C-alpha atoms as a PDB file:
ATOM      1  CA  UNK A   1      -0.005  -0.017  -0.022  1.00  0.00           C
ATOM      2  CA  UNK A   2       1.503   3.352  -0.998  1.00  0.00           C
ATOM      3  CA  UNK A   3       0.858   6.584   0.815  1.00  0.00           C
ATOM      4  CA  UNK A   4       1.620   9.856  -1.010  1.00  0.00           C
ATOM      5  CA  UNK A   5       1.592  12.107   1.932  1.00  0.00           C
ATOM      6  CA  UNK A   6       3.393  11.969   5.244  1.00  0.00           C
ATOM      7  CA  UNK A   7       0.599  13.574   7.204  1.00  0.00           C
ATOM      8  CA  UNK A   8      -3.140  13.514   6.963  1.00  0.00           C
ATOM      9  CA  UNK A   9      -4.370  17.021   6.127  1.00  0.00           C
ATOM     10  CA  UNK A  10      -5.508  19.072   9.060  1.00  0.00           C
ATOM     11  CA  UNK A  11      -8.609  21.287   9.489  1.00  0.00           C
ATOM     12  CA  UNK A  12      -8.615  24.456  11.577  1.00  0.00           C
ATOM     13  CA  UNK A  13     -10.786  24.792  14.678  1.00  0.00           C
ATOM     14  CA  UNK A  14     -13.267  26.840  12.693  1.00  0.00           C
ATOM     15  CA  UNK A  15     -13.363  24.216   9.968  1.00  0.00           C
ATOM     16  CA  UNK A  16     -13.992  21.479  12.457  1.00  0.00           C
ATOM     17  CA  UNK A  17     -16.887  23.455  13.836  1.00  0.00           C
ATOM     18  CA  UNK A  18     -18.290  23.849  10.386  1.00  0.00           C
ATOM     19  CA  UNK A  19     -17.930  20.091   9.808  1.00  0.00           C
ATOM     20  CA  UNK A  20     -19.705  19.341  13.060  1.00  0.00           C
ATOM     21  CA  UNK A  21     -22.619  21.664  12.042  1.00  0.00           C
ATOM     22  CA  UNK A  22     -23.028  19.448   8.934  1.00  0.00           C
ATOM     23  CA  UNK A  23     -22.558  16.337  11.110  1.00  0.00           C
ATOM     24  CA  UNK A  24     -25.255  17.314  13.504  1.00  0.00           C
ATOM     25  CA  UNK A  25     -27.685  17.570  10.617  1.00  0.00           C
ATOM     26  CA  UNK A  26     -26.649  14.056   9.633  1.00  0.00           C
ATOM     27  CA  UNK A  27     -27.264  12.880  13.186  1.00  0.00           C
ATOM     28  CA  UNK A  28     -30.649  14.414  13.185  1.00  0.00           C
ATOM     29  CA  UNK A  29     -31.529  12.839   9.891  1.00  0.00           C
ATOM     30  CA  UNK A  30     -30.491   9.346  11.041  1.00  0.00           C
ATOM     31  CA  UNK A  31     -32.654   9.670  14.144  1.00  0.00           C
ATOM     32  CA  UNK A  32     -35.634  10.721  12.128  1.00  0.00           C
ATOM     33  CA  UNK A  33     -35.143   7.871   9.684  1.00  0.00           C
ATOM     34  CA  UNK A  34     -34.939   5.389  12.474  1.00  0.00           C
ATOM     35  CA  UNK A  35     -38.156   6.662  13.988  1.00  0.00           C
ATOM     36  CA  UNK A  36     -39.853   6.182  10.605  1.00  0.00           C
ATOM     37  CA  UNK A  37     -38.515   2.737  10.005  1.00  0.00           C
ATOM     38  CA  UNK A  38     -41.365   0.457  10.957  1.00  0.00           C
ATOM     39  CA  UNK A  39     -42.813  -2.681   9.367  1.00  0.00           C
ATOM     40  CA  UNK A  40     -44.326  -2.041   5.901  1.00  0.00           C
ATOM     41  CA  UNK A  41     -42.333   1.150   5.441  1.00  0.00           C
ATOM     42  CA  UNK A  42     -40.149   1.149   2.264  1.00  0.00           C
ATOM     43  CA  UNK A  43     -36.556   2.242   2.065  1.00  0.00           C
ATOM     44  CA  UNK A  44     -37.764   4.944  -0.349  1.00  0.00           C
ATOM     45  CA  UNK A  45     -40.022   6.298   2.446  1.00  0.00           C
ATOM     46  CA  UNK A  46     -36.897   6.562   4.595  1.00  0.00           C
ATOM     47  CA  UNK A  47     -35.006   8.348   1.878  1.00  0.00           C
ATOM     48  CA  UNK A  48     -37.727  10.965   1.648  1.00  0.00           C
ATOM     49  CA  UNK A  49     -37.529  11.531   5.420  1.00  0.00           C
ATOM     50  CA  UNK A  50     -33.753  12.071   5.300  1.00  0.00           C
ATOM     51  CA  UNK A  51     -33.876  14.414   2.414  1.00  0.00           C
ATOM     52  CA  UNK A  52     -36.580  16.512   4.024  1.00  0.00           C
ATOM     53  CA  UNK A  53     -34.668  16.715   7.281  1.00  0.00           C
ATOM     54  CA  UNK A  54     -31.382  17.737   5.483  1.00  0.00           C
ATOM     55  CA  UNK A  55     -33.000  20.356   3.326  1.00  0.00           C
ATOM     56  CA  UNK A  56     -35.081  21.802   6.221  1.00  0.00           C
ATOM     57  CA  UNK A  57     -31.776  22.440   8.006  1.00  0.00           C
ATOM     58  CA  UNK A  58     -30.340  24.422   5.132  1.00  0.00           C
ATOM     59  CA  UNK A  59     -28.074  21.664   3.907  1.00  0.00           C
ATOM     60  CA  UNK A  60     -28.031  19.488   0.744  1.00  0.00           C
ATOM     61  CA  UNK A  61     -27.884  15.653   0.629  1.00  0.00           C
ATOM     62  CA  UNK A  62     -24.319  14.767  -0.215  1.00  0.00           C
ATOM     63  CA  UNK A  63     -25.139  11.381  -1.582  1.00  0.00           C
ATOM     64  CA  UNK A  64     -27.765  12.561  -4.061  1.00  0.00           C
ATOM     65  CA  UNK A  65     -26.093  12.658  -7.539  1.00  0.00           C
ATOM     66  CA  UNK A  66     -22.669  11.584  -6.148  1.00  0.00           C
ATOM     67  CA  UNK A  67     -21.062   9.643  -9.001  1.00  0.00           C
ATOM     68  CA  UNK A  68     -24.676   9.151 -10.201  1.00  0.00           C
ATOM     69  CA  UNK A  69     -26.107   7.779  -6.934  1.00  0.00           C
ATOM     70  CA  UNK A  70     -29.902   8.355  -7.157  1.00  0.00           C
ATOM     71  CA  UNK A  71     -30.815   8.951  -3.562  1.00  0.00           C
ATOM     72  CA  UNK A  72     -30.081  10.883  -0.308  1.00  0.00           C
ATOM     73  CA  UNK A  73     -29.273   7.847   1.823  1.00  0.00           C
ATOM     74  CA  UNK A  74     -27.875   4.351   1.375  1.00  0.00           C
ATOM     75  CA  UNK A  75     -30.397   1.895   2.818  1.00  0.00           C
ATOM     76  CA  UNK A  76     -28.938  -1.553   3.186  1.00  0.00           C
ATOM     77  CA  UNK A  77     -31.076  -4.330   4.537  1.00  0.00           C
ATOM     78  CA  UNK A  78     -29.895  -7.707   5.994  1.00  0.00           C
ATOM     79  CA  UNK A  79     -27.332  -9.112   3.514  1.00  0.00           C
ATOM     80  CA  UNK A  80     -26.742  -5.772   1.804  1.00  0.00           C
ATOM     81  CA  UNK A  81     -23.532  -4.427   3.311  1.00  0.00           C
ATOM     82  CA  UNK A  82     -23.448  -0.886   1.844  1.00  0.00           C
ATOM     83  CA  UNK A  83     -24.741   1.313  -0.946  1.00  0.00           C
ATOM     84  CA  UNK A  84     -28.293  -0.080  -1.015  1.00  0.00           C
ATOM     85  CA  UNK A  85     -30.525   2.113  -3.240  1.00  0.00           C
ATOM     86  CA  UNK A  86     -33.706   3.137  -1.624  1.00  0.00           C
ATOM     87  CA  UNK A  87     -36.636   1.629  -3.391  1.00  0.00           C
ATOM     88  CA  UNK A  88     -40.407   1.339  -2.996  1.00  0.00           C
ATOM     89  CA  UNK A  89     -40.005  -2.282  -3.739  1.00  0.00           C
ATOM     90  CA  UNK A  90     -37.933  -2.873  -0.537  1.00  0.00           C
ATOM     91  CA  UNK A  91     -40.497  -3.164   2.131  1.00  0.00           C
ATOM     92  CA  UNK A  92     -39.295  -3.555   5.732  1.00  0.00           C
ATOM     93  CA  UNK A  93     -40.438  -6.320   7.867  1.00  0.00           C
ATOM     94  CA  UNK A  94     -40.150  -7.488  11.496  1.00  0.00           C
ATOM     95  CA  UNK A  95     -36.606  -8.726  12.267  1.00  0.00           C
ATOM     96  CA  UNK A  96     -34.901  -6.870   9.403  1.00  0.00           C
ATOM     97  CA  UNK A  97     -31.418  -5.346  10.086  1.00  0.00           C
ATOM     98  CA  UNK A  98     -31.302  -1.981   8.434  1.00  0.00           C
ATOM     99  CA  UNK A  99     -28.155   0.068   7.747  1.00  0.00           C
ATOM    100  CA  UNK A 100     -28.591   3.765   6.980  1.00  0.00           C
ATOM    101  CA  UNK A 101     -25.676   5.683   5.613  1.00  0.00           C
ATOM    102  CA  UNK A 102     -26.251   9.505   5.296  1.00  0.00           C
ATOM    103  CA  UNK A 103     -24.315  12.539   4.204  1.00  0.00           C
ATOM    104  CA  UNK A 104     -25.128  16.320   4.322  1.00  0.00           C
ATOM    105  CA  UNK A 105     -23.180  19.270   2.938  1.00  0.00           C
ATOM    106  CA  UNK A 106     -23.502  22.539   4.756  1.00  0.00           C
ATOM    107  CA  UNK A 107     -21.589  25.759   3.746  1.00  0.00           C
ATOM    108  CA  UNK A 108     -19.234  23.505   1.733  1.00  0.00           C
ATOM    109  CA  UNK A 109     -18.373  21.025   4.478  1.00  0.00           C
ATOM    110  CA  UNK A 110     -19.510  17.393   4.631  1.00  0.00           C
ATOM    111  CA  UNK A 111     -20.740  15.186   7.394  1.00  0.00           C
ATOM    112  CA  UNK A 112     -21.013  11.362   6.869  1.00  0.00           C
ATOM    113  CA  UNK A 113     -22.340   8.854   9.337  1.00  0.00           C
ATOM    114  CA  UNK A 114     -24.078   5.481   9.378  1.00  0.00           C
ATOM    115  CA  UNK A 115     -25.793   3.186  11.848  1.00  0.00           C
ATOM    116  CA  UNK A 116     -27.596  -0.113  11.829  1.00  0.00           C
ATOM    117  CA  UNK A 117     -30.790  -1.024  13.705  1.00  0.00           C
ATOM    118  CA  UNK A 118     -33.433  -3.619  13.848  1.00  0.00           C
ATOM    119  CA  UNK A 119     -37.045  -3.447  12.740  1.00  0.00           C
ATOM    120  CA  UNK A 120     -38.727  -4.711  15.827  1.00  0.00           C
ATOM    121  CA  UNK A 121     -36.767  -7.579  17.547  1.00  0.00           C
ATOM    122  CA  UNK A 122     -33.677  -8.926  15.889  1.00  0.00           C
ATOM    123  CA  UNK A 123     -32.651 -12.607  16.045  1.00  0.00           C
ATOM    124  CA  UNK A 124     -30.202 -12.989  18.945  1.00  0.00           C
ATOM    125  CA  UNK A 125     -27.150 -13.668  16.737  1.00  0.00           C
ATOM    126  CA  UNK A 126     -28.039 -10.664  14.495  1.00  0.00           C
ATOM    127  CA  UNK A 127     -28.411  -8.452  17.484  1.00  0.00           C
ATOM    128  CA  UNK A 128     -25.057  -9.570  18.713  1.00  0.00           C
ATOM    129  CA  UNK A 129     -23.520  -8.793  15.363  1.00  0.00           C
ATOM    130  CA  UNK A 130     -24.987  -5.266  15.376  1.00  0.00           C
ATOM    131  CA  UNK A 131     -23.987  -4.475  18.982  1.00  0.00           C
ATOM    132  CA  UNK A 132     -20.483  -5.814  18.308  1.00  0.00           C
ATOM    133  CA  UNK A 133     -20.077  -3.542  15.259  1.00  0.00           C
ATOM    134  CA  UNK A 134     -21.182  -0.514  17.148  1.00  0.00           C
ATOM    135  CA  UNK A 135     -18.654  -1.376  19.890  1.00  0.00           C
ATOM    136  CA  UNK A 136     -15.899  -1.946  17.378  1.00  0.00           C
ATOM    137  CA  UNK A 137     -16.419   1.579  16.019  1.00  0.00           C
ATOM    138  CA  UNK A 138     -16.375   3.021  19.588  1.00  0.00           C
ATOM    139  CA  UNK A 139     -13.166   1.145  20.373  1.00  0.00           C
ATOM    140  CA  UNK A 140     -11.414   1.695  17.086  1.00  0.00           C
ATOM    141  CA  UNK A 141     -11.956   5.446  16.949  1.00  0.00           C
ATOM    142  CA  UNK A 142      -9.994   5.756  20.207  1.00  0.00           C
ATOM    143  CA  UNK A 143      -6.841   5.441  18.044  1.00  0.00           C
ATOM    144  CA  UNK A 144      -7.768   8.703  16.150  1.00  0.00           C
ATOM    145  CA  UNK A 145      -5.288  10.852  18.129  1.00  0.00           C
ATOM    146  CA  UNK A 146      -2.428  13.140  17.069  1.00  0.00           C
ATOM    147  CA  UNK A 147       0.861  11.281  16.653  1.00  0.00           C
ATOM    148  CA  UNK A 148      -0.635   7.983  15.597  1.00  0.00           C
ATOM    149  CA  UNK A 149      -0.437   6.761  12.027  1.00  0.00           C
ATOM    150  CA  UNK A 150      -3.216   5.837   9.696  1.00  0.00           C
ATOM    151  CA  UNK A 151      -3.008   2.109  10.157  1.00  0.00           C
ATOM    152  CA  UNK A 152      -2.954   2.525  13.910  1.00  0.00           C
ATOM    153  CA  UNK A 153      -6.723   3.121  13.474  1.00  0.00           C
ATOM    154  CA  UNK A 154      -7.020   0.094  11.102  1.00  0.00           C
ATOM    155  CA  UNK A 155      -5.207  -2.083  13.638  1.00  0.00           C
ATOM    156  CA  UNK A 156      -7.364  -0.827  16.427  1.00  0.00           C
ATOM    157  CA  UNK A 157     -10.472  -1.732  14.462  1.00  0.00           C
ATOM    158  CA  UNK A 158      -9.162  -5.201  13.727  1.00  0.00           C
ATOM    159  CA  UNK A 159      -8.193  -5.881  17.319  1.00  0.00           C
ATOM    160  CA  UNK A 160     -11.488  -4.660  18.513  1.00  0.00           C
ATOM    161  CA  UNK A 161     -13.172  -7.009  16.095  1.00  0.00           C
ATOM    162  CA  UNK A 162     -11.361  -9.981  17.550  1.00  0.00           C
ATOM    163  CA  UNK A 163     -12.263  -8.778  21.050  1.00  0.00           C
ATOM    164  CA  UNK A 164     -15.878  -8.258  20.085  1.00  0.00           C
ATOM    165  CA  UNK A 165     -16.149 -11.945  19.022  1.00  0.00           C
ATOM    166  CA  UNK A 166     -15.341 -12.941  22.662  1.00  0.00           C
ATOM    167  CA  UNK A 167     -17.292 -10.121  24.242  1.00  0.00           C
ATOM    168  CA  UNK A 168     -20.505 -10.680  22.227  1.00  0.00           C
ATOM    169  CA  UNK A 169     -20.168 -14.451  21.606  1.00  0.00           C
ATOM    170  CA  UNK A 170     -20.433 -14.150  17.825  1.00  0.00           C
ATOM    171  CA  UNK A 171     -18.178 -15.016  14.829  1.00  0.00           C
ATOM    172  CA  UNK A 172     -17.403 -11.843  12.789  1.00  0.00           C
ATOM    173  CA  UNK A 173     -15.823 -11.259   9.368  1.00  0.00           C
ATOM    174  CA  UNK A 174     -14.328  -8.011   8.325  1.00  0.00           C
ATOM    175  CA  UNK A 175     -15.703  -7.066   4.898  1.00  0.00           C
ATOM    176  CA  UNK A 176     -12.797  -7.157   2.402  1.00  0.00           C
ATOM    177  CA  UNK A 177     -11.989  -4.155   0.231  1.00  0.00           C
ATOM    178  CA  UNK A 178     -14.190  -1.508   1.902  1.00  0.00           C
ATOM    179  CA  UNK A 179     -13.334   0.977   4.603  1.00  0.00           C
ATOM    180  CA  UNK A 180     -13.213   4.554   5.753  1.00  0.00           C
ATOM    181  CA  UNK A 181     -11.731   7.729   4.231  1.00  0.00           C
ATOM    182  CA  UNK A 182     -10.571  11.219   4.665  1.00  0.00           C
ATOM    183  CA  UNK A 183     -13.394  13.776   4.519  1.00  0.00           C
ATOM    184  CA  UNK A 184     -13.778  17.528   4.435  1.00  0.00           C
ATOM    185  CA  UNK A 185     -14.888  19.675   1.484  1.00  0.00           C
ATOM    186  CA  UNK A 186     -15.696  16.499  -0.369  1.00  0.00           C
ATOM    187  CA  UNK A 187     -17.061  13.155   0.907  1.00  0.00           C
ATOM    188  CA  UNK A 188     -14.128  11.046  -0.047  1.00  0.00           C
ATOM    189  CA  UNK A 189     -10.661  12.500   0.372  1.00  0.00           C
ATOM    190  CA  UNK A 190      -7.327  10.792   0.887  1.00  0.00           C
ATOM    191  CA  UNK A 191      -6.422   8.587   2.576  1.00  0.00           C
ATOM    192  CA  UNK A 192      -8.328   5.305   2.331  1.00  0.00           C
ATOM    193  CA  UNK A 193      -8.739   3.703   5.815  1.00  0.00           C
ATOM    194  CA  UNK A 194      -8.676  -0.064   5.910  1.00  0.00           C
ATOM    195  CA  UNK A 195     -10.639  -1.781   8.687  1.00  0.00           C
ATOM    196  CA  UNK A 196      -7.724  -4.187   9.428  1.00  0.00           C
ATOM    197  CA  UNK A 197      -3.973  -3.966   9.112  1.00  0.00           C
ATOM    198  CA  UNK A 198      -0.588  -3.788  10.764  1.00  0.00           C
ATOM    199  CA  UNK A 199       0.026  -0.708  12.948  1.00  0.00           C
ATOM    200  CA  UNK A 200       2.461   2.196  12.515  1.00  0.00           C
ATOM    201  CA  UNK A 201       2.081   2.603   8.753  1.00  0.00           C
ATOM    202  CA  UNK A 202       0.872   5.297   6.476  1.00  0.00           C
ATOM    203  CA  UNK A 203       0.614   9.126   6.990  1.00  0.00           C
ATOM    204  CA  UNK A 204       0.675  10.510  10.445  1.00  0.00           C
ATOM    205  CA  UNK A 205      -2.504  11.710  12.203  1.00  0.00           C
ATOM    206  CA  UNK A 206      -2.038  15.409  13.284  1.00  0.00           C
ATOM    207  CA  UNK A 207      -4.270  17.714  15.312  1.00  0.00           C
ATOM    208  CA  UNK A 208      -7.170  18.574  13.057  1.00  0.00           C
ATOM    209  CA  UNK A 209      -7.019  15.501  10.843  1.00  0.00           C
ATOM    210  CA  UNK A 210     -10.384  14.026  10.002  1.00  0.00           C
ATOM    211  CA  UNK A 211     -11.358  10.518   9.006  1.00  0.00           C
ATOM    212  CA  UNK A 212     -14.724   8.810   8.393  1.00  0.00           C
ATOM    213  CA  UNK A 213     -14.273   5.614  10.370  1.00  0.00           C
ATOM    214  CA  UNK A 214     -16.641   2.757   9.370  1.00  0.00           C
ATOM    215  CA  UNK A 215     -16.389  -0.841  10.301  1.00  0.00           C
ATOM    216  CA  UNK A 216     -18.468  -3.263   8.316  1.00  0.00           C
ATOM    217  CA  UNK A 217     -18.812  -6.829   9.716  1.00  0.00           C
ATOM    218  CA  UNK A 218     -20.514  -9.946   8.502  1.00  0.00           C
ATOM    219  CA  UNK A 219     -22.163 -12.505  10.749  1.00  0.00           C
ATOM    220  CA  UNK A 220     -20.443 -15.913  10.667  1.00  0.00           C
ATOM    221  CA  UNK A 221     -16.926 -14.886   9.651  1.00  0.00           C
ATOM    222  CA  UNK A 222     -17.335 -14.317   5.880  1.00  0.00           C
ATOM    223  CA  UNK A 223     -15.672 -11.441   4.234  1.00  0.00           C
ATOM    224  CA  UNK A 224     -16.430 -11.710   0.494  1.00  0.00           C
ATOM    225  CA  UNK A 225     -19.021  -9.511  -1.227  1.00  0.00           C
ATOM    226  CA  UNK A 226     -20.475  -8.925  -4.683  1.00  0.00           C
ATOM    227  CA  UNK A 227     -21.774  -5.833  -6.413  1.00  0.00           C
ATOM    228  CA  UNK A 228     -25.246  -6.289  -7.981  1.00  0.00           C
ATOM    229  CA  UNK A 229     -26.248  -5.333 -11.481  1.00  0.00           C
ATOM    230  CA  UNK A 230     -27.184  -1.822 -10.449  1.00  0.00           C
ATOM    231  CA  UNK A 231     -23.469  -1.165  -9.944  1.00  0.00           C
ATOM    232  CA  UNK A 232     -24.036   0.046  -6.428  1.00  0.00           C
ATOM    233  CA  UNK A 233     -25.545  -2.505  -4.093  1.00  0.00           C
ATOM    234  CA  UNK A 234     -22.964  -4.561  -2.248  1.00  0.00           C
ATOM    235  CA  UNK A 235     -24.118  -7.836  -0.695  1.00  0.00           C
ATOM    236  CA  UNK A 236     -22.443 -10.575   1.262  1.00  0.00           C
ATOM    237  CA  UNK A 237     -21.452 -13.454  -0.943  1.00  0.00           C
ATOM    238  CA  UNK A 238     -22.806 -16.006   1.477  1.00  0.00           C
ATOM    239  CA  UNK A 239     -26.097 -14.291   2.161  1.00  0.00           C
ATOM    240  CA  UNK A 240     -25.263 -13.599   5.855  1.00  0.00           C
ATOM    241  CA  UNK A 241     -26.391 -10.308   7.391  1.00  0.00           C
ATOM    242  CA  UNK A 242     -23.960  -7.478   7.779  1.00  0.00           C
ATOM    243  CA  UNK A 243     -23.779  -4.394  10.033  1.00  0.00           C
ATOM    244  CA  UNK A 244     -22.230  -1.037   9.347  1.00  0.00           C
ATOM    245  CA  UNK A 245     -21.537   1.824  11.773  1.00  0.00           C
ATOM    246  CA  UNK A 246     -19.726   5.136  10.887  1.00  0.00           C
ATOM    247  CA  UNK A 247     -18.765   8.375  12.389  1.00  0.00           C
ATOM    248  CA  UNK A 248     -16.779  11.356  11.129  1.00  0.00           C
ATOM    249  CA  UNK A 249     -14.059  11.823  13.694  1.00  0.00           C
ATOM    250  CA  UNK A 250     -11.384  14.524  14.269  1.00  0.00           C
ATOM    251  CA  UNK A 251      -8.177  14.114  16.020  1.00  0.00           C
ATOM    252  CA  UNK A 252      -7.637  16.838  18.708  1.00  0.00           C
ATOM    253  CA  UNK A 253      -5.356  17.475  21.565  1.00  0.00           C
ATOM    254  CA  UNK A 254      -8.166  16.449  23.891  1.00  0.00           C
ATOM    255  CA  UNK A 255      -8.764  13.123  22.053  1.00  0.00           C
ATOM    256  CA  UNK A 256     -11.043  11.905  19.281  1.00  0.00           C
ATOM    257  CA  UNK A 257     -13.937  14.304  18.537  1.00  0.00           C
ATOM    258  CA  UNK A 258     -16.988  12.869  16.975  1.00  0.00           C
ATOM    259  CA  UNK A 259     -18.344  15.413  14.392  1.00  0.00           C
ATOM    260  CA  UNK A 260     -21.476  13.465  13.682  1.00  0.00           C
ATOM    261  CA  UNK A 261     -23.155  13.279  17.043  1.00  0.00           C
ATOM    262  CA  UNK A 262     -26.657  11.892  17.140  1.00  0.00           C
ATOM    263  CA  UNK A 263     -27.834  13.316  20.510  1.00  0.00           C
END
């Protein structure tokens, strides 16, 4: 893996505040989408909720039109890992695991966040998968501190995944080939952040560096995926459910700062 820059670009304090303003809108949209996600709702219904919230707050949906993507959120259900296109034909049912990935651009700055949740009660093993993925994000982002290197975050996510298997009593697979990224004026900036890897490699994290950190885990230990004919939807190859959690996180002198709070 080659890294062109020795440090991950830093944002100023004012720029971080601007990113958090965008991120708070994303958090609000995610909460509203979750509240609307009930049996018989469609993922297109959820997309309309998110777009309305984003625009009502003076922002624009980052995803809409991004490289041709046709919606304001990615809505990925059960074995869909990421990039699910909202559709009136995808009707939610009791026990579904739904991942919602959402972005908002406000005053030229981007917030990007995702979470997964159940429609009603999840099967015990699926619930364990989802709680484990949330925990892996919380543990992994602790490595987002000045002085660390990029793959220290990757390594922290990987080690947290192994620990989560024991903690939650579930076998987990780290999705191959997908991960986090730099973020700022655009949604995807350098560098790419793998969700596993050896530590102490890549560009150095400095105060003000920002990464979108997003573990994606598959129940049962699989890691292979496929892209469907729509050229967007990514599903697990073995049909097992997947969970996806993401925050936009800044490295600060006081520790990691989540720029996409949901409270």
